[in-house]
C-alpha atoms as a PDB file:
ATOM      1  CA  UNK A   1     -17.110  -5.717 -37.191  1.00  0.00           C
ATOM      2  CA  UNK A   2     -14.929  -2.917 -38.496  1.00  0.00           C
ATOM      3  CA  UNK A   3     -17.717  -0.376 -38.100  1.00  0.00           C
ATOM      4  CA  UNK A   4     -18.423  -1.544 -34.568  1.00  0.00           C
ATOM      5  CA  UNK A   5     -14.742  -1.200 -33.666  1.00  0.00           C
ATOM      6  CA  UNK A   6     -14.592   2.259 -35.235  1.00  0.00           C
ATOM      7  CA  UNK A   7     -17.666   3.399 -33.307  1.00  0.00           C
ATOM      8  CA  UNK A   8     -16.230   2.066 -30.056  1.00  0.00           C
ATOM      9  CA  UNK A   9     -12.911   3.833 -30.665  1.00  0.00           C
ATOM     10  CA  UNK A  10     -14.774   7.071 -31.392  1.00  0.00           C
ATOM     11  CA  UNK A  11     -16.841   6.750 -28.201  1.00  0.00           C
ATOM     12  CA  UNK A  12     -13.703   6.144 -26.122  1.00  0.00           C
ATOM     13  CA  UNK A  13     -12.066   9.173 -27.731  1.00  0.00           C
ATOM     14  CA  UNK A  14     -15.061  11.349 -26.873  1.00  0.00           C
ATOM     15  CA  UNK A  15     -15.036   9.986 -23.311  1.00  0.00           C
ATOM     16  CA  UNK A  16     -11.336  10.828 -22.879  1.00  0.00           C
ATOM     17  CA  UNK A  17     -11.876  14.295 -24.330  1.00  0.00           C
ATOM     18  CA  UNK A  18     -14.769  14.844 -21.909  1.00  0.00           C
ATOM     19  CA  UNK A  19     -12.550  13.866 -18.985  1.00  0.00           C
ATOM     20  CA  UNK A  20      -9.980  16.471 -19.996  1.00  0.00           C
ATOM     21  CA  UNK A  21     -12.652  19.158 -20.050  1.00  0.00           C
ATOM     22  CA  UNK A  22     -14.233  17.949 -16.820  1.00  0.00           C
ATOM     23  CA  UNK A  23     -10.946  18.287 -14.954  1.00  0.00           C
ATOM     24  CA  UNK A  24     -10.941  22.097 -14.921  1.00  0.00           C
ATOM     25  CA  UNK A  25     -14.483  22.078 -13.572  1.00  0.00           C
ATOM     26  CA  UNK A  26     -13.448  19.678 -10.789  1.00  0.00           C
ATOM     27  CA  UNK A  27     -10.683  22.041  -9.653  1.00  0.00           C
ATOM     28  CA  UNK A  28     -13.264  24.824  -9.385  1.00  0.00           C
ATOM     29  CA  UNK A  29     -15.539  22.443  -7.464  1.00  0.00           C
ATOM     30  CA  UNK A  30     -12.771  21.663  -4.956  1.00  0.00           C
ATOM     31  CA  UNK A  31     -12.064  25.369  -4.485  1.00  0.00           C
ATOM     32  CA  UNK A  32     -15.799  25.963  -4.164  1.00  0.00           C
ATOM     33  CA  UNK A  33     -16.094  23.448  -1.313  1.00  0.00           C
ATOM     34  CA  UNK A  34     -13.087  25.083   0.357  1.00  0.00           C
ATOM     35  CA  UNK A  35     -14.714  28.506  -0.029  1.00  0.00           C
ATOM     36  CA  UNK A  36     -18.052  27.394   1.424  1.00  0.00           C
ATOM     37  CA  UNK A  37     -16.293  25.697   4.341  1.00  0.00           C
ATOM     38  CA  UNK A  38     -14.139  28.756   4.996  1.00  0.00           C
ATOM     39  CA  UNK A  39     -17.161  31.040   5.046  1.00  0.00           C
ATOM     40  CA  UNK A  40     -19.103  28.777   7.414  1.00  0.00           C
ATOM     41  CA  UNK A  41     -16.287  28.014   9.859  1.00  0.00           C
ATOM     42  CA  UNK A  42     -14.182  31.188   9.853  1.00  0.00           C
ATOM     43  CA  UNK A  43     -16.390  34.080   8.781  1.00  0.00           C
ATOM     44  CA  UNK A  44     -19.793  32.958  10.021  1.00  0.00           C
ATOM     45  CA  UNK A  45     -19.233  31.049  13.269  1.00  0.00           C
ATOM     46  CA  UNK A  46     -15.795  30.743  14.861  1.00  0.00           C
ATOM     47  CA  UNK A  47     -14.311  34.054  13.720  1.00  0.00           C
ATOM     48  CA  UNK A  48     -16.979  36.141  15.470  1.00  0.00           C
ATOM     49  CA  UNK A  49     -16.774  33.794  18.494  1.00  0.00           C
ATOM     50  CA  UNK A  50     -13.239  35.025  19.208  1.00  0.00           C
ATOM     51  CA  UNK A  51     -14.681  38.153  20.795  1.00  0.00           C
ATOM     52  CA  UNK A  52     -17.057  36.233  23.085  1.00  0.00           C
ATOM     53  CA  UNK A  53     -14.489  35.740  25.817  1.00  0.00           C
ATOM     54  CA  UNK A  54     -13.909  32.797  28.139  1.00  0.00           C
ATOM     55  CA  UNK A  55     -13.960  29.168  27.077  1.00  0.00           C
ATOM     56  CA  UNK A  56     -15.903  29.868  23.887  1.00  0.00           C
ATOM     57  CA  UNK A  57     -13.129  32.135  22.593  1.00  0.00           C
ATOM     58  CA  UNK A  58     -10.473  29.569  23.488  1.00  0.00           C
ATOM     59  CA  UNK A  59     -12.314  26.787  21.622  1.00  0.00           C
ATOM     60  CA  UNK A  60     -12.832  29.085  18.641  1.00  0.00           C
ATOM     61  CA  UNK A  61      -9.119  29.901  18.572  1.00  0.00           C
ATOM     62  CA  UNK A  62      -8.155  26.202  18.603  1.00  0.00           C
ATOM     63  CA  UNK A  63     -10.620  25.383  15.818  1.00  0.00           C
ATOM     64  CA  UNK A  64      -9.363  28.266  13.664  1.00  0.00           C
ATOM     65  CA  UNK A  65      -5.689  27.357  14.167  1.00  0.00           C
ATOM     66  CA  UNK A  66      -6.274  23.695  13.256  1.00  0.00           C
ATOM     67  CA  UNK A  67      -8.539  24.663  10.351  1.00  0.00           C
ATOM     68  CA  UNK A  68      -5.939  26.953   8.761  1.00  0.00           C
ATOM     69  CA  UNK A  69      -3.014  24.572   9.278  1.00  0.00           C
ATOM     70  CA  UNK A  70      -4.898  21.678   7.689  1.00  0.00           C
ATOM     71  CA  UNK A  71      -6.201  23.922   4.908  1.00  0.00           C
ATOM     72  CA  UNK A  72      -2.667  25.024   3.993  1.00  0.00           C
ATOM     73  CA  UNK A  73      -1.440  21.407   3.924  1.00  0.00           C
ATOM     74  CA  UNK A  74      -4.488  20.280   1.919  1.00  0.00           C
ATOM     75  CA  UNK A  75      -4.068  22.973  -0.747  1.00  0.00           C
ATOM     76  CA  UNK A  76      -0.287  22.500  -0.862  1.00  0.00           C
ATOM     77  CA  UNK A  77      -0.722  18.768  -1.433  1.00  0.00           C
ATOM     78  CA  UNK A  78      -3.577  19.272  -3.897  1.00  0.00           C
ATOM     79  CA  UNK A  79      -1.773  21.697  -6.182  1.00  0.00           C
ATOM     80  CA  UNK A  80       1.385  19.598  -5.946  1.00  0.00           C
ATOM     81  CA  UNK A  81      -0.590  16.737  -7.508  1.00  0.00           C
ATOM     82  CA  UNK A  82      -2.143  19.035 -10.104  1.00  0.00           C
ATOM     83  CA  UNK A  83       1.113  20.719 -11.160  1.00  0.00           C
ATOM     84  CA  UNK A  84       3.610  17.841 -10.836  1.00  0.00           C
ATOM     85  CA  UNK A  85       4.257  15.667 -13.867  1.00  0.00           C
ATOM     86  CA  UNK A  86       3.626  12.051 -12.797  1.00  0.00           C
ATOM     87  CA  UNK A  87       6.545  10.973 -14.983  1.00  0.00           C
ATOM     88  CA  UNK A  88       6.832  10.126 -18.655  1.00  0.00           C
ATOM     89  CA  UNK A  89       9.071   7.752 -20.589  1.00  0.00           C
ATOM     90  CA  UNK A  90      12.310   9.540 -21.594  1.00  0.00           C
ATOM     91  CA  UNK A  91      12.949   9.903 -25.358  1.00  0.00           C
ATOM     92  CA  UNK A  92      14.710   6.899 -26.883  1.00  0.00           C
ATOM     93  CA  UNK A  93      14.347   4.878 -23.680  1.00  0.00           C
ATOM     94  CA  UNK A  94      15.251   1.202 -24.011  1.00  0.00           C
ATOM     95  CA  UNK A  95      15.772  -1.595 -21.471  1.00  0.00           C
ATOM     96  CA  UNK A  96      19.081  -3.396 -21.160  1.00  0.00           C
ATOM     97  CA  UNK A  97      18.719  -7.105 -20.524  1.00  0.00           C
ATOM     98  CA  UNK A  98      21.184  -8.823 -18.226  1.00  0.00           C
ATOM     99  CA  UNK A  99      21.788 -12.151 -19.965  1.00  0.00           C
ATOM    100  CA  UNK A 100      22.799 -13.942 -16.741  1.00  0.00           C
ATOM    101  CA  UNK A 101      20.027 -12.764 -14.423  1.00  0.00           C
ATOM    102  CA  UNK A 102      17.382 -11.763 -16.927  1.00  0.00           C
ATOM    103  CA  UNK A 103      17.104  -8.339 -15.282  1.00  0.00           C
ATOM    104  CA  UNK A 104      16.305  -5.180 -17.210  1.00  0.00           C
ATOM    105  CA  UNK A 105      17.707  -1.795 -16.278  1.00  0.00           C
ATOM    106  CA  UNK A 106      16.561   1.410 -17.836  1.00  0.00           C
ATOM    107  CA  UNK A 107      18.850   3.398 -20.099  1.00  0.00           C
ATOM    108  CA  UNK A 108      18.177   6.727 -21.748  1.00  0.00           C
ATOM    109  CA  UNK A 109      20.004   7.248 -25.025  1.00  0.00           C
ATOM    110  CA  UNK A 110      20.591  10.387 -26.986  1.00  0.00           C
ATOM    111  CA  UNK A 111      19.500  10.536 -30.609  1.00  0.00           C
ATOM    112  CA  UNK A 112      22.988   9.767 -31.877  1.00  0.00           C
ATOM    113  CA  UNK A 113      23.363   6.766 -29.580  1.00  0.00           C
ATOM    114  CA  UNK A 114      19.973   5.229 -30.370  1.00  0.00           C
ATOM    115  CA  UNK A 115      20.083   2.502 -33.012  1.00  0.00           C
ATOM    116  CA  UNK A 116      16.830   0.685 -33.872  1.00  0.00           C
ATOM    117  CA  UNK A 117      18.843  -2.285 -35.122  1.00  0.00           C
ATOM    118  CA  UNK A 118      20.272  -2.877 -31.655  1.00  0.00           C
ATOM    119  CA  UNK A 119      17.036  -2.247 -29.818  1.00  0.00           C
ATOM    120  CA  UNK A 120      15.695  -5.396 -28.120  1.00  0.00           C
ATOM    121  CA  UNK A 121      12.852  -7.130 -29.914  1.00  0.00           C
ATOM    122  CA  UNK A 122       9.530  -5.627 -28.693  1.00  0.00           C
ATOM    123  CA  UNK A 123       7.838  -9.006 -29.090  1.00  0.00           C
ATOM    124  CA  UNK A 124      10.020 -10.410 -26.306  1.00  0.00           C
ATOM    125  CA  UNK A 125       7.694 -11.088 -23.359  1.00  0.00           C
ATOM    126  CA  UNK A 126      10.258  -9.632 -20.933  1.00  0.00           C
ATOM    127  CA  UNK A 127      10.282  -6.321 -22.782  1.00  0.00           C
ATOM    128  CA  UNK A 128       7.204  -4.117 -22.524  1.00  0.00           C
ATOM    129  CA  UNK A 129       6.201  -2.158 -25.589  1.00  0.00           C
ATOM    130  CA  UNK A 130       3.457   0.437 -26.086  1.00  0.00           C
ATOM    131  CA  UNK A 131       1.916   0.224 -29.533  1.00  0.00           C
ATOM    132  CA  UNK A 132       0.060   3.505 -29.044  1.00  0.00           C
ATOM    133  CA  UNK A 133       3.192   5.499 -28.248  1.00  0.00           C
ATOM    134  CA  UNK A 134       5.293   3.253 -30.510  1.00  0.00           C
ATOM    135  CA  UNK A 135       8.029   2.917 -27.923  1.00  0.00           C
ATOM    136  CA  UNK A 136       9.300   0.590 -25.231  1.00  0.00           C
ATOM    137  CA  UNK A 137       8.291   1.376 -21.690  1.00  0.00           C
ATOM    138  CA  UNK A 138       9.901   0.801 -18.275  1.00  0.00           C
ATOM    139  CA  UNK A 139       8.561  -1.651 -15.700  1.00  0.00           C
ATOM    140  CA  UNK A 140       5.295  -0.625 -14.028  1.00  0.00           C
ATOM    141  CA  UNK A 141       4.569   1.923 -16.770  1.00  0.00           C
ATOM    142  CA  UNK A 142       1.125   2.096 -18.414  1.00  0.00           C
ATOM    143  CA  UNK A 143      -0.490   4.093 -21.190  1.00  0.00           C
ATOM    144  CA  UNK A 144      -3.088   6.707 -20.208  1.00  0.00           C
ATOM    145  CA  UNK A 145      -5.738   7.242 -22.863  1.00  0.00           C
ATOM    146  CA  UNK A 146      -6.760  10.576 -21.345  1.00  0.00           C
ATOM    147  CA  UNK A 147      -3.249  12.038 -21.266  1.00  0.00           C
ATOM    148  CA  UNK A 148      -2.339  10.271 -24.516  1.00  0.00           C
ATOM    149  CA  UNK A 149       1.029   9.000 -23.297  1.00  0.00           C
ATOM    150  CA  UNK A 150       2.708   6.398 -21.118  1.00  0.00           C
ATOM    151  CA  UNK A 151       2.948   7.282 -17.422  1.00  0.00           C
ATOM    152  CA  UNK A 152       5.584   5.908 -15.065  1.00  0.00           C
ATOM    153  CA  UNK A 153       4.094   3.675 -12.356  1.00  0.00           C
ATOM    154  CA  UNK A 154       0.642   4.860 -13.310  1.00  0.00           C
ATOM    155  CA  UNK A 155      -2.009   4.394 -10.635  1.00  0.00           C
ATOM    156  CA  UNK A 156      -5.004   6.053 -12.306  1.00  0.00           C
ATOM    157  CA  UNK A 157      -6.096   9.205 -14.087  1.00  0.00           C
ATOM    158  CA  UNK A 158      -7.845  11.450 -11.578  1.00  0.00           C
ATOM    159  CA  UNK A 159     -10.326  14.041 -12.871  1.00  0.00           C
ATOM    160  CA  UNK A 160     -10.229  15.801  -9.493  1.00  0.00           C
ATOM    161  CA  UNK A 161      -6.621  16.841 -10.090  1.00  0.00           C
ATOM    162  CA  UNK A 162      -6.730  17.068 -13.922  1.00  0.00           C
ATOM    163  CA  UNK A 163      -3.700  14.805 -14.013  1.00  0.00           C
ATOM    164  CA  UNK A 164      -2.475  11.256 -13.898  1.00  0.00           C
ATOM    165  CA  UNK A 165      -1.346   9.880 -10.551  1.00  0.00           C
ATOM    166  CA  UNK A 166       2.011   8.207 -11.085  1.00  0.00           C
ATOM    167  CA  UNK A 167       5.518   7.703  -9.780  1.00  0.00           C
ATOM    168  CA  UNK A 168       6.431  11.339  -9.200  1.00  0.00           C
ATOM    169  CA  UNK A 169       3.194  12.635  -7.651  1.00  0.00           C
ATOM    170  CA  UNK A 170       1.656   9.577  -5.953  1.00  0.00           C
ATOM    171  CA  UNK A 171       2.912  10.662  -2.526  1.00  0.00           C
ATOM    172  CA  UNK A 172       1.330  14.090  -3.024  1.00  0.00           C
ATOM    173  CA  UNK A 173      -1.958  12.439  -3.959  1.00  0.00           C
ATOM    174  CA  UNK A 174      -1.940  10.328  -0.783  1.00  0.00           C
ATOM    175  CA  UNK A 175      -1.191  13.411   1.327  1.00  0.00           C
ATOM    176  CA  UNK A 176      -4.052  15.211  -0.380  1.00  0.00           C
ATOM    177  CA  UNK A 177      -6.398  12.380   0.649  1.00  0.00           C
ATOM    178  CA  UNK A 178      -4.943  12.358   4.179  1.00  0.00           C
ATOM    179  CA  UNK A 179      -5.353  16.095   4.777  1.00  0.00           C
ATOM    180  CA  UNK A 180      -8.777  16.069   3.122  1.00  0.00           C
ATOM    181  CA  UNK A 181      -9.920  13.493   5.674  1.00  0.00           C
ATOM    182  CA  UNK A 182      -8.563  15.558   8.578  1.00  0.00           C
ATOM    183  CA  UNK A 183      -9.940  18.871   7.303  1.00  0.00           C
ATOM    184  CA  UNK A 184     -13.407  17.600   6.380  1.00  0.00           C
ATOM    185  CA  UNK A 185     -13.684  15.740   9.695  1.00  0.00           C
ATOM    186  CA  UNK A 186     -12.713  18.900  11.595  1.00  0.00           C
ATOM    187  CA  UNK A 187     -15.261  20.989   9.692  1.00  0.00           C
ATOM    188  CA  UNK A 188     -17.988  18.354  10.152  1.00  0.00           C
ATOM    189  CA  UNK A 189     -17.435  18.134  13.922  1.00  0.00           C
ATOM    190  CA  UNK A 190     -17.149  21.913  14.243  1.00  0.00           C
ATOM    191  CA  UNK A 191     -20.452  22.496  12.471  1.00  0.00           C
ATOM    192  CA  UNK A 192     -22.285  19.539  14.014  1.00  0.00           C
ATOM    193  CA  UNK A 193     -23.760  21.474  17.003  1.00  0.00           C
ATOM    194  CA  UNK A 194     -25.099  24.146  14.654  1.00  0.00           C
ATOM    195  CA  UNK A 195     -26.424  21.498  12.266  1.00  0.00           C
ATOM    196  CA  UNK A 196     -28.318  19.857  15.142  1.00  0.00           C
ATOM    197  CA  UNK A 197     -29.700  23.205  16.258  1.00  0.00           C
ATOM    198  CA  UNK A 198     -30.742  23.892  12.699  1.00  0.00           C
ATOM    199  CA  UNK A 199     -33.277  21.033  12.926  1.00  0.00           C
ATOM    200  CA  UNK A 200     -34.239  21.544  16.551  1.00  0.00           C
ATOM    201  CA  UNK A 201     -36.256  24.196  18.292  1.00  0.00           C
ATOM    202  CA  UNK A 202     -33.094  25.899  19.509  1.00  0.00           C
ATOM    203  CA  UNK A 203     -32.320  29.420  18.343  1.00  0.00           C
ATOM    204  CA  UNK A 204     -29.472  29.722  15.846  1.00  0.00           C
ATOM    205  CA  UNK A 205     -27.944  33.132  15.263  1.00  0.00           C
ATOM    206  CA  UNK A 206     -27.257  34.327  11.754  1.00  0.00           C
ATOM    207  CA  UNK A 207     -28.952  35.371   8.559  1.00  0.00           C
ATOM    208  CA  UNK A 208     -30.841  32.845   6.414  1.00  0.00           C
ATOM    209  CA  UNK A 209     -27.986  32.942   3.903  1.00  0.00           C
ATOM    210  CA  UNK A 210     -25.393  32.164   6.593  1.00  0.00           C
ATOM    211  CA  UNK A 211     -27.507  29.312   7.959  1.00  0.00           C
ATOM    212  CA  UNK A 212     -27.949  27.852   4.477  1.00  0.00           C
ATOM    213  CA  UNK A 213     -24.190  28.058   3.869  1.00  0.00           C
ATOM    214  CA  UNK A 214     -23.497  26.355   7.192  1.00  0.00           C
ATOM    215  CA  UNK A 215     -25.942  23.578   6.330  1.00  0.00           C
ATOM    216  CA  UNK A 216     -24.366  23.136   2.867  1.00  0.00           C
ATOM    217  CA  UNK A 217     -20.836  23.113   4.301  1.00  0.00           C
ATOM    218  CA  UNK A 218     -21.750  20.434   6.833  1.00  0.00           C
ATOM    219  CA  UNK A 219     -23.364  18.152   4.233  1.00  0.00           C
ATOM    220  CA  UNK A 220     -20.512  18.562   1.726  1.00  0.00           C
ATOM    221  CA  UNK A 221     -17.758  17.947   4.262  1.00  0.00           C
ATOM    222  CA  UNK A 222     -19.521  14.929   5.745  1.00  0.00           C
ATOM    223  CA  UNK A 223     -19.964  13.445   2.269  1.00  0.00           C
ATOM    224  CA  UNK A 224     -16.331  14.063   1.318  1.00  0.00           C
ATOM    225  CA  UNK A 225     -15.049  12.684   4.627  1.00  0.00           C
ATOM    226  CA  UNK A 226     -16.929   9.409   4.223  1.00  0.00           C
ATOM    227  CA  UNK A 227     -16.113   8.913   0.536  1.00  0.00           C
ATOM    228  CA  UNK A 228     -12.425   9.857   0.774  1.00  0.00           C
ATOM    229  CA  UNK A 229     -11.968   7.674   3.862  1.00  0.00           C
ATOM    230  CA  UNK A 230     -12.749   4.524   1.891  1.00  0.00           C
ATOM    231  CA  UNK A 231     -10.486   5.648  -0.932  1.00  0.00           C
ATOM    232  CA  UNK A 232      -7.618   6.360   1.480  1.00  0.00           C
ATOM    233  CA  UNK A 233      -7.986   2.963   3.176  1.00  0.00           C
ATOM    234  CA  UNK A 234      -7.755   1.289  -0.239  1.00  0.00           C
ATOM    235  CA  UNK A 235      -4.566   3.179  -1.096  1.00  0.00           C
ATOM    236  CA  UNK A 236      -3.013   2.406   2.288  1.00  0.00           C
ATOM    237  CA  UNK A 237      -3.417  -1.288   1.471  1.00  0.00           C
ATOM    238  CA  UNK A 238      -1.871  -0.696  -1.978  1.00  0.00           C
ATOM    239  CA  UNK A 239       1.138   1.096  -0.476  1.00  0.00           C
ATOM    240  CA  UNK A 240       1.643  -1.669   2.098  1.00  0.00           C
ATOM    241  CA  UNK A 241       1.908  -4.169  -0.776  1.00  0.00           C
ATOM    242  CA  UNK A 242       3.922  -1.837  -3.043  1.00  0.00           C
ATOM    243  CA  UNK A 243       1.380  -1.970  -5.824  1.00  0.00           C
ATOM    244  CA  UNK A 244      -0.831   0.401  -7.792  1.00  0.00           C
ATOM    245  CA  UNK A 245      -4.526   0.288  -8.621  1.00  0.00           C
ATOM    246  CA  UNK A 246      -3.757  -0.997 -12.123  1.00  0.00           C
ATOM    247  CA  UNK A 247      -1.245  -3.572 -10.867  1.00  0.00           C
ATOM    248  CA  UNK A 248      -3.672  -4.801  -8.217  1.00  0.00           C
ATOM    249  CA  UNK A 249      -6.074  -5.684 -11.024  1.00  0.00           C
ATOM    250  CA  UNK A 250      -3.362  -7.214 -13.231  1.00  0.00           C
ATOM    251  CA  UNK A 251      -1.880  -9.436 -10.530  1.00  0.00           C
ATOM    252  CA  UNK A 252      -5.115 -10.530  -8.848  1.00  0.00           C
ATOM    253  CA  UNK A 253      -4.302 -14.155  -9.727  1.00  0.00           C
ATOM    254  CA  UNK A 254      -0.642 -13.843  -8.680  1.00  0.00           C
ATOM    255  CA  UNK A 255      -0.026 -15.041  -5.095  1.00  0.00           C
ATOM    256  CA  UNK A 256       3.355 -13.287  -4.790  1.00  0.00           C
ATOM    257  CA  UNK A 257       4.397  -9.860  -6.032  1.00  0.00           C
ATOM    258  CA  UNK A 258       7.959  -9.193  -7.153  1.00  0.00           C
ATOM    259  CA  UNK A 259       8.010  -5.600  -5.832  1.00  0.00           C
ATOM    260  CA  UNK A 260       6.673  -6.451  -2.362  1.00  0.00           C
ATOM    261  CA  UNK A 261       9.755  -5.832  -0.190  1.00  0.00           C
ATOM    262  CA  UNK A 262       8.004  -5.683   3.181  1.00  0.00           C
ATOM    263  CA  UNK A 263       5.802  -2.940   4.594  1.00  0.00           C
ATOM    264  CA  UNK A 264       8.620  -0.645   5.771  1.00  0.00           C
ATOM    265  CA  UNK A 265      10.512  -0.675   2.468  1.00  0.00           C
ATOM    266  CA  UNK A 266       7.270  -0.502   0.511  1.00  0.00           C
ATOM    267  CA  UNK A 267       6.326   2.640   2.438  1.00  0.00           C
ATOM    268  CA  UNK A 268       9.750   4.168   1.767  1.00  0.00           C
ATOM    269  CA  UNK A 269       9.351   3.505  -1.960  1.00  0.00           C
ATOM    270  CA  UNK A 270       6.565   6.102  -1.918  1.00  0.00           C
ATOM    271  CA  UNK A 271       7.355   8.459   0.974  1.00  0.00           C
ATOM    272  CA  UNK A 272      11.141   8.259   1.134  1.00  0.00           C
ATOM    273  CA  UNK A 273      13.342   7.480   4.121  1.00  0.00           C
ATOM    274  CA  UNK A 274      13.656  10.939   5.724  1.00  0.00           C
ATOM    275  CA  UNK A 275      10.892  11.132   8.315  1.00  0.00           C
ATOM    276  CA  UNK A 276      10.571  14.931   8.422  1.00  0.00           C
ATOM    277  CA  UNK A 277       9.468  14.838   4.771  1.00  0.00           C
ATOM    278  CA  UNK A 278       6.810  12.163   5.213  1.00  0.00           C
ATOM    279  CA  UNK A 279       3.940  14.586   5.832  1.00  0.00           C
ATOM    280  CA  UNK A 280       4.800  17.302   3.320  1.00  0.00           C
ATOM    281  CA  UNK A 281       4.539  17.112  -0.509  1.00  0.00           C
ATOM    282  CA  UNK A 282       8.286  17.126  -1.126  1.00  0.00           C
ATOM    283  CA  UNK A 283      11.313  14.813  -1.027  1.00  0.00           C
ATOM    284  CA  UNK A 284      14.732  15.297   0.465  1.00  0.00           C
ATOM    285  CA  UNK A 285      17.675  15.695  -1.933  1.00  0.00           C
ATOM    286  CA  UNK A 286      19.226  12.632  -0.288  1.00  0.00           C
ATOM    287  CA  UNK A 287      16.253  10.417  -1.152  1.00  0.00           C
ATOM    288  CA  UNK A 288      16.056  11.727  -4.709  1.00  0.00           C
ATOM    289  CA  UNK A 289      19.743  10.893  -5.210  1.00  0.00           C
ATOM    290  CA  UNK A 290      19.804   7.382  -3.814  1.00  0.00           C
ATOM    291  CA  UNK A 291      16.277   6.081  -4.511  1.00  0.00           C
ATOM    292  CA  UNK A 292      15.685   5.554  -8.259  1.00  0.00           C
ATOM    293  CA  UNK A 293      12.144   4.341  -7.533  1.00  0.00           C
ATOM    294  CA  UNK A 294      11.123   7.932  -6.769  1.00  0.00           C
ATOM    295  CA  UNK A 295      11.983   8.840 -10.370  1.00  0.00           C
ATOM    296  CA  UNK A 296       9.892   5.961 -11.715  1.00  0.00           C
ATOM    297  CA  UNK A 297      12.365   4.155 -13.991  1.00  0.00           C
ATOM    298  CA  UNK A 298      13.937   1.513 -11.750  1.00  0.00           C
ATOM    299  CA  UNK A 299      12.491  -0.491  -8.884  1.00  0.00           C
ATOM    300  CA  UNK A 300      14.122  -2.969  -6.506  1.00  0.00           C
ATOM    301  CA  UNK A 301      12.497  -6.379  -6.621  1.00  0.00           C
ATOM    302  CA  UNK A 302      12.794  -9.913  -5.372  1.00  0.00           C
ATOM    303  CA  UNK A 303      15.279 -11.798  -7.622  1.00  0.00           C
ATOM    304  CA  UNK A 304      13.354 -15.067  -7.321  1.00  0.00           C
ATOM    305  CA  UNK A 305      10.248 -13.392  -8.793  1.00  0.00           C
ATOM    306  CA  UNK A 306      11.890 -11.437 -11.600  1.00  0.00           C
ATOM    307  CA  UNK A 307      10.244 -13.663 -14.205  1.00  0.00           C
ATOM    308  CA  UNK A 308       6.936 -11.857 -13.600  1.00  0.00           C
ATOM    309  CA  UNK A 309       6.085  -9.699 -16.608  1.00  0.00           C
ATOM    310  CA  UNK A 310       4.264  -6.794 -14.968  1.00  0.00           C
END
């Protein structure tokens, strides 16, 4: 039994290490798809069409404007997910239990203020404790084996962004999915007439290399559009219920969810309340000041369901 457990632990370790290495390759893959799409749409087809004159030039101009706007938003959102820390547990974090209500609020203590003798008992079911990090963790926090630490409001570890998706970058991840859908759909529709001509008897201008790139760009963007669409629909349902992928699995037998405050408030817990910031990977200073949920340590909940231990 011990040997079997040791082998399993070693296999999991190798799997997590492989995911870390795979992440850098996935970033290059994303940039590669962007490069192929840019060559096919801008350099090969619609860029040269600008000099054609008439309606063809007008359509080409519209496609190029939309393509570049969506590309900027996609890359901005993508690298915001990659470069933004999803949120970690502050040093010497401990929950404070309200004796009357049974609520726990987060408190960060300095080294001089922290006293293990006064720390709440980790075996208490209302207090969540990570045995891998050897520390208490806030509500909705989970340990990531790939990152090797606890992540605030962890949704999942995404190899495409070489990062965990958590409290402080979940909005950016959703925007990345949203703009990926729009961009890949635009590229697919823009290249569709040329893809059809590619398999018909019609004449298609361009070198064999350009035609092959156009064909590859169409197939890749169609595949990404279809796969990301399902993923985005799943996350829209998670946001509407104010839950994460991990929590959805944990509470599958729970009819009511303590953090479900209604669709509008659930949406604001992720995107903030200032509408002009909803579609960009950033938050207003006002939201960051008055919405602790955006920092990942405290979350409003329904008092009657506070006994839930998630």
